[in-house]
Amino acid sequence: MFARGAEIRLQGMMGGVKPHYDCIKAFSETDFTEDLKKFDVPTLILHGDDDQIVPIGASALMSAKIVRNATLKVHPGFPHGMPPPTRTRSISTS
């Protein structure tokens, strides 16, 4: 079993530079506000407060305000792509 950091590096090496760039560009330049407003079912939004890639303030906090019937659960210390394998129980019990 790889450590979490090794898993992320290996996953990153599976793609090319251009597709990775295009993905980041699309996500960073696309406004999903109108799509989020269309949600019409109860929605659980999970986010780690140690996400260094997608800041919580620019994503989960805003999404929870836009999506009707949303519940936001913030997990302290969790990074992007949460959870670390040793902490999955804390999500399933919260």
PDB file of N, CA and C in Angstrom:
ATOM      1  N   MET A   1       0.850  -1.188   0.000  1.00  0.00           N
ATOM      2  CA  MET A   1       0.000   0.000   0.000  1.00  0.00           C
ATOM      3  C   MET A   1       0.886   1.239   0.000  1.00  0.00           C
ATOM      4  N   PHE A   2       0.582   2.164  -0.878  1.00  0.00           N
ATOM      5  CA  PHE A   2       1.337   3.393  -0.972  1.00  0.00           C
ATOM      6  C   PHE A   2       0.858   4.397   0.065  1.00  0.00           C
ATOM      7  N   ALA A   3       1.755   5.271   0.447  1.00  0.00           N
ATOM      8  CA  ALA A   3       1.356   6.406   1.279  1.00  0.00           C
ATOM      9  C   ALA A   3       0.527   7.334   0.400  1.00  0.00           C
ATOM     10  N   ARG A   4      -0.316   8.125   0.996  1.00  0.00           N
ATOM     11  CA  ARG A   4      -1.235   8.994   0.250  1.00  0.00           C
ATOM     12  C   ARG A   4      -0.501   9.861  -0.768  1.00  0.00           C
ATOM     13  N   GLY A   5       0.612  10.462  -0.380  1.00  0.00           N
ATOM     14  CA  GLY A   5       1.366  11.323  -1.298  1.00  0.00           C
ATOM     15  C   GLY A   5       1.864  10.567  -2.512  1.00  0.00           C
ATOM     16  N   ALA A   6       2.319   9.335  -2.299  1.00  0.00           N
ATOM     17  CA  ALA A   6       2.807   8.513  -3.414  1.00  0.00           C
ATOM     18  C   ALA A   6       1.665   8.172  -4.370  1.00  0.00           C
ATOM     19  N   GLU A   7       0.488   7.879  -3.822  1.00  0.00           N
ATOM     20  CA  GLU A   7      -0.676   7.589  -4.665  1.00  0.00           C
ATOM     21  C   GLU A   7      -1.001   8.776  -5.563  1.00  0.00           C
ATOM     22  N   ILE A   8      -0.975   9.949  -4.999  1.00  0.00           N
ATOM     23  CA  ILE A   8      -1.308  11.155  -5.755  1.00  0.00           C
ATOM     24  C   ILE A   8      -0.276  11.400  -6.846  1.00  0.00           C
ATOM     25  N   ARG A   9       1.012  11.233  -6.520  1.00  0.00           N
ATOM     26  CA  ARG A   9       2.051  11.427  -7.532  1.00  0.00           C
ATOM     27  C   ARG A   9       1.912  10.416  -8.664  1.00  0.00           C
ATOM     28  N   LEU A  10       1.655   9.150  -8.327  1.00  0.00           N
ATOM     29  CA  LEU A  10       1.488   8.129  -9.362  1.00  0.00           C
ATOM     30  C   LEU A  10       0.285   8.421 -10.242  1.00  0.00           C
ATOM     31  N   GLN A  11      -0.810   8.854  -9.630  1.00  0.00           N
ATOM     32  CA  GLN A  11      -2.000   9.188 -10.412  1.00  0.00           C
ATOM     33  C   GLN A  11      -1.695  10.352 -11.348  1.00  0.00           C
ATOM     34  N   GLY A  12      -0.973  11.327 -10.865  1.00  0.00           N
ATOM     35  CA  GLY A  12      -0.622  12.480 -11.679  1.00  0.00           C
ATOM     36  C   GLY A  12       0.270  12.132 -12.847  1.00  0.00           C
ATOM     37  N   MET A  13       1.113  11.122 -12.686  1.00  0.00           N
ATOM     38  CA  MET A  13       2.021  10.727 -13.762  1.00  0.00           C
ATOM     39  C   MET A  13       1.322   9.912 -14.845  1.00  0.00           C
ATOM     40  N   MET A  14       0.086   9.488 -14.599  1.00  0.00           N
ATOM     41  CA  MET A  14      -0.637   8.692 -15.586  1.00  0.00           C
ATOM     42  C   MET A  14      -1.187   9.535 -16.728  1.00  0.00           C
ATOM     43  N   GLY A  15      -1.260  10.815 -16.554  1.00  0.00           N
ATOM     44  CA  GLY A  15      -1.792  11.689 -17.594  1.00  0.00           C
ATOM     45  C   GLY A  15      -0.696  12.538 -18.184  1.00  0.00           C
ATOM     46  N   GLY A  16      -1.033  13.204 -19.255  1.00  0.00           N
ATOM     47  CA  GLY A  16      -0.073  14.083 -19.894  1.00  0.00           C
ATOM     48  C   GLY A  16      -0.189  15.503 -19.377  1.00  0.00           C
ATOM     49  N   VAL A  17       0.819  16.295 -19.680  1.00  0.00           N
ATOM     50  CA  VAL A  17       0.845  17.689 -19.237  1.00  0.00           C
ATOM     51  C   VAL A  17      -0.326  18.468 -19.839  1.00  0.00           C
ATOM     52  N   LYS A  18      -0.575  18.304 -21.125  1.00  0.00           N
ATOM     53  CA  LYS A  18      -1.652  19.049 -21.790  1.00  0.00           C
ATOM     54  C   LYS A  18      -3.032  18.715 -21.219  1.00  0.00           C
ATOM     55  N   PRO A  19      -3.390  17.435 -21.053  1.00  0.00           N
ATOM     56  CA  PRO A  19      -4.704  17.152 -20.446  1.00  0.00           C
ATOM     57  C   PRO A  19      -4.821  17.677 -19.020  1.00  0.00           C
ATOM     58  N   HIS A  20      -3.747  17.597 -18.242  1.00  0.00           N
ATOM     59  CA  HIS A  20      -3.799  18.136 -16.880  1.00  0.00           C
ATOM     60  C   HIS A  20      -4.023  19.645 -16.911  1.00  0.00           C
ATOM     61  N   TYR A  21      -3.294  20.319 -17.777  1.00  0.00           N
ATOM     62  CA  TYR A  21      -3.451  21.770 -17.902  1.00  0.00           C
ATOM     63  C   TYR A  21      -4.876  22.126 -18.323  1.00  0.00           C
ATOM     64  N   ASP A  22      -5.383  21.429 -19.340  1.00  0.00           N
ATOM     65  CA  ASP A  22      -6.737  21.712 -19.830  1.00  0.00           C
ATOM     66  C   ASP A  22      -7.789  21.508 -18.743  1.00  0.00           C
ATOM     67  N   CYS A  23      -7.611  20.471 -17.934  1.00  0.00           N
ATOM     68  CA  CYS A  23      -8.553  20.198 -16.842  1.00  0.00           C
ATOM     69  C   CYS A  23      -8.535  21.329 -15.813  1.00  0.00           C
ATOM     70  N   ILE A  24      -7.349  21.710 -15.391  1.00  0.00           N
ATOM     71  CA  ILE A  24      -7.226  22.794 -14.402  1.00  0.00           C
ATOM     72  C   ILE A  24      -7.792  24.090 -14.967  1.00  0.00           C
ATOM     73  N   LYS A  25      -7.486  24.373 -16.219  1.00  0.00           N
ATOM     74  CA  LYS A  25      -7.990  25.591 -16.867  1.00  0.00           C
ATOM     75  C   LYS A  25      -9.525  25.585 -16.899  1.00  0.00           C
ATOM     76  N   ALA A  26     -10.112  24.461 -17.300  1.00  0.00           N
ATOM     77  CA  ALA A  26     -11.576  24.380 -17.387  1.00  0.00           C
ATOM     78  C   ALA A  26     -12.228  24.573 -16.025  1.00  0.00           C
ATOM     79  N   PHE A  27     -11.707  23.910 -15.000  1.00  0.00           N
ATOM     80  CA  PHE A  27     -12.307  24.042 -13.677  1.00  0.00           C
ATOM     81  C   PHE A  27     -12.117  25.431 -13.093  1.00  0.00           C
ATOM     82  N   SER A  28     -10.979  26.044 -13.357  1.00  0.00           N
ATOM     83  CA  SER A  28     -10.726  27.351 -12.756  1.00  0.00           C
ATOM     84  C   SER A  28     -11.453  28.480 -13.473  1.00  0.00           C
ATOM     85  N   GLU A  29     -11.859  28.251 -14.719  1.00  0.00           N
ATOM     86  CA  GLU A  29     -12.509  29.309 -15.493  1.00  0.00           C
ATOM     87  C   GLU A  29     -14.010  29.094 -15.694  1.00  0.00           C
ATOM     88  N   THR A  30     -14.539  27.995 -15.206  1.00  0.00           N
ATOM     89  CA  THR A  30     -15.954  27.698 -15.403  1.00  0.00           C
ATOM     90  C   THR A  30     -16.756  28.099 -14.175  1.00  0.00           C
ATOM     91  N   ASP A  31     -17.809  28.846 -14.395  1.00  0.00           N
ATOM     92  CA  ASP A  31     -18.699  29.246 -13.306  1.00  0.00           C
ATOM     93  C   ASP A  31     -19.865  28.255 -13.249  1.00  0.00           C
ATOM     94  N   PHE A  32     -19.932  27.488 -12.185  1.00  0.00           N
ATOM     95  CA  PHE A  32     -20.963  26.464 -12.035  1.00  0.00           C
ATOM     96  C   PHE A  32     -22.197  26.969 -11.281  1.00  0.00           C
ATOM     97  N   THR A  33     -22.282  28.254 -11.024  1.00  0.00           N
ATOM     98  CA  THR A  33     -23.369  28.814 -10.215  1.00  0.00           C
ATOM     99  C   THR A  33     -24.753  28.433 -10.740  1.00  0.00           C
ATOM    100  N   GLU A  34     -24.987  28.609 -12.017  1.00  0.00           N
ATOM    101  CA  GLU A  34     -26.315  28.316 -12.564  1.00  0.00           C
ATOM    102  C   GLU A  34     -26.644  26.833 -12.461  1.00  0.00           C
ATOM    103  N   ASP A  35     -25.651  25.972 -12.632  1.00  0.00           N
ATOM    104  CA  ASP A  35     -25.876  24.532 -12.472  1.00  0.00           C
ATOM    105  C   ASP A  35     -26.228  24.199 -11.024  1.00  0.00           C
ATOM    106  N   LEU A  36     -25.507  24.805 -10.086  1.00  0.00           N
ATOM    107  CA  LEU A  36     -25.772  24.537  -8.669  1.00  0.00           C
ATOM    108  C   LEU A  36     -27.169  24.996  -8.260  1.00  0.00           C
ATOM    109  N   LYS A  37     -27.640  26.075  -8.845  1.00  0.00           N
ATOM    110  CA  LYS A  37     -28.975  26.580  -8.535  1.00  0.00           C
ATOM    111  C   LYS A  37     -30.077  25.612  -8.967  1.00  0.00           C
ATOM    112  N   LYS A  38     -29.772  24.715  -9.896  1.00  0.00           N
ATOM    113  CA  LYS A  38     -30.763  23.780 -10.420  1.00  0.00           C
ATOM    114  C   LYS A  38     -30.915  22.524  -9.563  1.00  0.00           C
ATOM    115  N   PHE A  39     -30.026  22.314  -8.610  1.00  0.00           N
ATOM    116  CA  PHE A  39     -30.132  21.129  -7.749  1.00  0.00           C
ATOM    117  C   PHE A  39     -31.478  21.170  -7.038  1.00  0.00           C
ATOM    118  N   ASP A  40     -32.216  20.079  -7.084  1.00  0.00           N
ATOM    119  CA  ASP A  40     -33.528  20.057  -6.441  1.00  0.00           C
ATOM    120  C   ASP A  40     -33.695  18.851  -5.514  1.00  0.00           C
ATOM    121  N   VAL A  41     -32.580  18.325  -5.058  1.00  0.00           N
ATOM    122  CA  VAL A  41     -32.593  17.207  -4.102  1.00  0.00           C
ATOM    123  C   VAL A  41     -31.688  17.566  -2.933  1.00  0.00           C
ATOM    124  N   PRO A  42     -31.926  17.003  -1.764  1.00  0.00           N
ATOM    125  CA  PRO A  42     -31.006  17.242  -0.652  1.00  0.00           C
ATOM    126  C   PRO A  42     -29.589  16.848  -1.060  1.00  0.00           C
ATOM    127  N   THR A  43     -28.627  17.697  -0.754  1.00  0.00           N
ATOM    128  CA  THR A  43     -27.254  17.501  -1.213  1.00  0.00           C
ATOM    129  C   THR A  43     -26.280  17.607  -0.052  1.00  0.00           C
ATOM    130  N   LEU A  44     -25.396  16.629   0.044  1.00  0.00           N
ATOM    131  CA  LEU A  44     -24.345  16.633   1.063  1.00  0.00           C
ATOM    132  C   LEU A  44     -23.059  17.107   0.403  1.00  0.00           C
ATOM    133  N   ILE A  45     -22.487  18.166   0.941  1.00  0.00           N
ATOM    134  CA  ILE A  45     -21.226  18.706   0.440  1.00  0.00           C
ATOM    135  C   ILE A  45     -20.164  18.430   1.492  1.00  0.00           C
ATOM    136  N   LEU A  46     -19.132  17.689   1.105  1.00  0.00           N
ATOM    137  CA  LEU A  46     -18.024  17.351   1.995  1.00  0.00           C
ATOM    138  C   LEU A  46     -16.779  18.101   1.548  1.00  0.00           C
ATOM    139  N   HIS A  47     -16.004  18.609   2.512  1.00  0.00           N
ATOM    140  CA  HIS A  47     -14.765  19.298   2.154  1.00  0.00           C
ATOM    141  C   HIS A  47     -13.804  19.240   3.331  1.00  0.00           C
ATOM    142  N   GLY A  48     -12.542  19.041   3.025  1.00  0.00           N
ATOM    143  CA  GLY A  48     -11.507  19.097   4.055  1.00  0.00           C
ATOM    144  C   GLY A  48     -11.025  20.520   4.219  1.00  0.00           C
ATOM    145  N   ASP A  49     -10.754  20.924   5.452  1.00  0.00           N
ATOM    146  CA  ASP A  49     -10.308  22.311   5.655  1.00  0.00           C
ATOM    147  C   ASP A  49      -8.814  22.496   5.407  1.00  0.00           C
ATOM    148  N   ASP A  50      -8.110  21.416   5.004  1.00  0.00           N
ATOM    149  CA  ASP A  50      -6.694  21.520   4.675  1.00  0.00           C
ATOM    150  C   ASP A  50      -6.467  21.264   3.186  1.00  0.00           C
ATOM    151  N   ASP A  51      -7.463  21.550   2.376  1.00  0.00           N
ATOM    152  CA  ASP A  51      -7.352  21.370   0.927  1.00  0.00           C
ATOM    153  C   ASP A  51      -6.494  22.497   0.371  1.00  0.00           C
ATOM    154  N   GLN A  52      -5.322  22.141  -0.147  1.00  0.00           N
ATOM    155  CA  GLN A  52      -4.394  23.132  -0.687  1.00  0.00           C
ATOM    156  C   GLN A  52      -4.615  23.366  -2.177  1.00  0.00           C
ATOM    157  N   ILE A  53      -5.509  22.585  -2.791  1.00  0.00           N
ATOM    158  CA  ILE A  53      -5.724  22.678  -4.230  1.00  0.00           C
ATOM    159  C   ILE A  53      -6.988  23.461  -4.551  1.00  0.00           C
ATOM    160  N   VAL A  54      -8.076  23.151  -3.861  1.00  0.00           N
ATOM    161  CA  VAL A  54      -9.349  23.853  -4.067  1.00  0.00           C
ATOM    162  C   VAL A  54      -9.738  24.469  -2.722  1.00  0.00           C
ATOM    163  N   PRO A  55      -9.471  25.750  -2.548  1.00  0.00           N
ATOM    164  CA  PRO A  55      -9.767  26.388  -1.264  1.00  0.00           C
ATOM    165  C   PRO A  55     -11.239  26.265  -0.878  1.00  0.00           C
ATOM    166  N   ILE A  56     -11.474  25.974   0.375  1.00  0.00           N
ATOM    167  CA  ILE A  56     -12.834  25.757   0.864  1.00  0.00           C
ATOM    168  C   ILE A  56     -13.719  26.997   0.681  1.00  0.00           C
ATOM    169  N   GLY A  57     -13.141  28.167   0.847  1.00  0.00           N
ATOM    170  CA  GLY A  57     -13.922  29.396   0.719  1.00  0.00           C
ATOM    171  C   GLY A  57     -14.419  29.654  -0.687  1.00  0.00           C
ATOM    172  N   ALA A  58     -13.675  29.192  -1.674  1.00  0.00           N
ATOM    173  CA  ALA A  58     -14.050  29.410  -3.073  1.00  0.00           C
ATOM    174  C   ALA A  58     -14.847  28.250  -3.651  1.00  0.00           C
ATOM    175  N   SER A  59     -15.117  27.255  -2.827  1.00  0.00           N
ATOM    176  CA  SER A  59     -15.821  26.085  -3.363  1.00  0.00           C
ATOM    177  C   SER A  59     -16.952  25.638  -2.442  1.00  0.00           C
ATOM    178  N   ALA A  60     -16.638  24.884  -1.430  1.00  0.00           N
ATOM    179  CA  ALA A  60     -17.677  24.281  -0.582  1.00  0.00           C
ATOM    180  C   ALA A  60     -18.532  25.317   0.148  1.00  0.00           C
ATOM    181  N   LEU A  61     -17.903  26.329   0.705  1.00  0.00           N
ATOM    182  CA  LEU A  61     -18.687  27.334   1.441  1.00  0.00           C
ATOM    183  C   LEU A  61     -19.661  28.057   0.512  1.00  0.00           C
ATOM    184  N   MET A  62     -19.193  28.392  -0.686  1.00  0.00           N
ATOM    185  CA  MET A  62     -20.067  29.071  -1.646  1.00  0.00           C
ATOM    186  C   MET A  62     -21.135  28.120  -2.177  1.00  0.00           C
ATOM    187  N   SER A  63     -20.744  26.881  -2.475  1.00  0.00           N
ATOM    188  CA  SER A  63     -21.706  25.904  -2.998  1.00  0.00           C
ATOM    189  C   SER A  63     -22.827  25.645  -2.002  1.00  0.00           C
ATOM    190  N   ALA A  64     -22.480  25.550  -0.725  1.00  0.00           N
ATOM    191  CA  ALA A  64     -23.488  25.279   0.307  1.00  0.00           C
ATOM    192  C   ALA A  64     -24.500  26.409   0.416  1.00  0.00           C
ATOM    193  N   LYS A  65     -24.094  27.615   0.059  1.00  0.00           N
ATOM    194  CA  LYS A  65     -25.030  28.749   0.081  1.00  0.00           C
ATOM    195  C   LYS A  65     -25.925  28.759  -1.154  1.00  0.00           C
ATOM    196  N   ILE A  66     -25.411  28.261  -2.264  1.00  0.00           N
ATOM    197  CA  ILE A  66     -26.150  28.312  -3.528  1.00  0.00           C
ATOM    198  C   ILE A  66     -27.122  27.149  -3.673  1.00  0.00           C
ATOM    199  N   VAL A  67     -26.694  25.953  -3.264  1.00  0.00           N
ATOM    200  CA  VAL A  67     -27.522  24.757  -3.449  1.00  0.00           C
ATOM    201  C   VAL A  67     -28.632  24.735  -2.403  1.00  0.00           C
ATOM    202  N   ARG A  68     -29.876  24.684  -2.867  1.00  0.00           N
ATOM    203  CA  ARG A  68     -31.002  24.576  -1.939  1.00  0.00           C
ATOM    204  C   ARG A  68     -30.930  23.240  -1.221  1.00  0.00           C
ATOM    205  N   ASN A  69     -31.252  23.225   0.026  1.00  0.00           N
ATOM    206  CA  ASN A  69     -31.289  21.975   0.791  1.00  0.00           C
ATOM    207  C   ASN A  69     -29.930  21.308   0.922  1.00  0.00           C
ATOM    208  N   ALA A  70     -28.865  22.111   0.972  1.00  0.00           N
ATOM    209  CA  ALA A  70     -27.515  21.556   1.090  1.00  0.00           C
ATOM    210  C   ALA A  70     -27.104  21.445   2.550  1.00  0.00           C
ATOM    211  N   THR A  71     -26.342  20.403   2.838  1.00  0.00           N
ATOM    212  CA  THR A  71     -25.715  20.238   4.146  1.00  0.00           C
ATOM    213  C   THR A  71     -24.222  20.218   3.919  1.00  0.00           C
ATOM    214  N   LEU A  72     -23.492  21.080   4.602  1.00  0.00           N
ATOM    215  CA  LEU A  72     -22.041  21.148   4.475  1.00  0.00           C
ATOM    216  C   LEU A  72     -21.391  20.471   5.673  1.00  0.00           C
ATOM    217  N   LYS A  73     -20.503  19.530   5.407  1.00  0.00           N
ATOM    218  CA  LYS A  73     -19.718  18.885   6.464  1.00  0.00           C
ATOM    219  C   LYS A  73     -18.252  19.171   6.174  1.00  0.00           C
ATOM    220  N   VAL A  74     -17.610  19.911   7.073  1.00  0.00           N
ATOM    221  CA  VAL A  74     -16.193  20.230   6.941  1.00  0.00           C
ATOM    222  C   VAL A  74     -15.412  19.281   7.830  1.00  0.00           C
ATOM    223  N   HIS A  75     -14.405  18.653   7.251  1.00  0.00           N
ATOM    224  CA  HIS A  75     -13.585  17.689   7.995  1.00  0.00           C
ATOM    225  C   HIS A  75     -12.223  18.303   8.288  1.00  0.00           C
ATOM    226  N   PRO A  76     -11.955  18.589   9.565  1.00  0.00           N
ATOM    227  CA  PRO A  76     -10.696  19.223   9.958  1.00  0.00           C
ATOM    228  C   PRO A  76      -9.489  18.360   9.584  1.00  0.00           C
ATOM    229  N   GLY A  77      -8.513  19.016   8.977  1.00  0.00           N
ATOM    230  CA  GLY A  77      -7.252  18.362   8.654  1.00  0.00           C
ATOM    231  C   GLY A  77      -7.265  17.536   7.384  1.00  0.00           C
ATOM    232  N   PHE A  78      -8.408  17.423   6.736  1.00  0.00           N
ATOM    233  CA  PHE A  78      -8.458  16.600   5.521  1.00  0.00           C
ATOM    234  C   PHE A  78      -7.968  17.406   4.323  1.00  0.00           C
ATOM    235  N   PRO A  79      -7.183  16.762   3.455  1.00  0.00           N
ATOM    236  CA  PRO A  79      -6.645  17.424   2.279  1.00  0.00           C
ATOM    237  C   PRO A  79      -7.576  17.294   1.073  1.00  0.00           C
ATOM    238  N   HIS A  80      -7.114  17.744  -0.061  1.00  0.00           N
ATOM    239  CA  HIS A  80      -7.823  17.549  -1.328  1.00  0.00           C
ATOM    240  C   HIS A  80      -7.892  16.054  -1.615  1.00  0.00           C
ATOM    241  N   GLY A  81      -9.006  15.608  -2.130  1.00  0.00           N
ATOM    242  CA  GLY A  81      -9.156  14.189  -2.420  1.00  0.00           C
ATOM    243  C   GLY A  81      -9.335  13.364  -1.169  1.00  0.00           C
ATOM    244  N   MET A  82      -9.913  13.974  -0.145  1.00  0.00           N
ATOM    245  CA  MET A  82     -10.082  13.320   1.144  1.00  0.00           C
ATOM    246  C   MET A  82     -10.781  11.989   1.020  1.00  0.00           C
ATOM    247  N   PRO A  83     -10.638  11.154   1.973  1.00  0.00           N
ATOM    248  CA  PRO A  83      -9.849  11.236   3.195  1.00  0.00           C
ATOM    249  C   PRO A  83      -8.571  10.415   3.079  1.00  0.00           C
ATOM    250  N   PRO A  84      -7.640  10.661   3.971  1.00  0.00           N
ATOM    251  CA  PRO A  84      -6.505   9.749   4.067  1.00  0.00           C
ATOM    252  C   PRO A  84      -7.039   8.365   4.448  1.00  0.00           C
ATOM    253  N   PRO A  85      -6.465   7.310   3.924  1.00  0.00           N
ATOM    254  CA  PRO A  85      -7.011   5.959   4.176  1.00  0.00           C
ATOM    255  C   PRO A  85      -7.219   5.622   5.648  1.00  0.00           C
ATOM    256  N   THR A  86      -6.413   6.183   6.520  1.00  0.00           N
ATOM    257  CA  THR A  86      -6.538   5.857   7.934  1.00  0.00           C
ATOM    258  C   THR A  86      -7.692   6.577   8.609  1.00  0.00           C
ATOM    259  N   ARG A  87      -8.362   7.497   7.895  1.00  0.00           N
ATOM    260  CA  ARG A  87      -9.412   8.290   8.547  1.00  0.00           C
ATOM    261  C   ARG A  87     -10.774   8.138   7.892  1.00  0.00           C
ATOM    262  N   THR A  88     -10.989   7.104   7.122  1.00  0.00           N
ATOM    263  CA  THR A  88     -12.278   6.943   6.451  1.00  0.00           C
ATOM    264  C   THR A  88     -13.417   6.778   7.433  1.00  0.00           C
ATOM    265  N   ARG A  89     -13.161   6.178   8.587  1.00  0.00           N
ATOM    266  CA  ARG A  89     -14.220   5.965   9.578  1.00  0.00           C
ATOM    267  C   ARG A  89     -14.802   7.291  10.059  1.00  0.00           C
ATOM    268  N   SER A  90     -14.004   8.345  10.132  1.00  0.00           N
ATOM    269  CA  SER A  90     -14.531   9.614  10.625  1.00  0.00           C
ATOM    270  C   SER A  90     -15.552  10.212   9.662  1.00  0.00           C
ATOM    271  N   ILE A  91     -15.483   9.872   8.399  1.00  0.00           N
ATOM    272  CA  ILE A  91     -16.494  10.350   7.456  1.00  0.00           C
ATOM    273  C   ILE A  91     -17.744   9.485   7.553  1.00  0.00           C
ATOM    274  N   SER A  92     -17.584   8.186   7.633  1.00  0.00           N
ATOM    275  CA  SER A  92     -18.742   7.312   7.642  1.00  0.00           C
ATOM    276  C   SER A  92     -19.563   7.432   8.935  1.00  0.00           C
ATOM    277  N   THR A  93     -18.971   7.955   9.988  1.00  0.00           N
ATOM    278  CA  THR A  93     -19.713   8.082  11.250  1.00  0.00           C
ATOM    279  C   THR A  93     -20.206   9.493  11.509  1.00  0.00           C
ATOM    280  N   SER A  94     -19.897  10.440  10.627  1.00  0.00           N
ATOM    281  CA  SER A  94     -20.317  11.818  10.897  1.00  0.00           C
ATOM    282  C   SER A  94     -21.585  12.199  10.178  1.00  0.00           C
TER     283      SER A  94
END
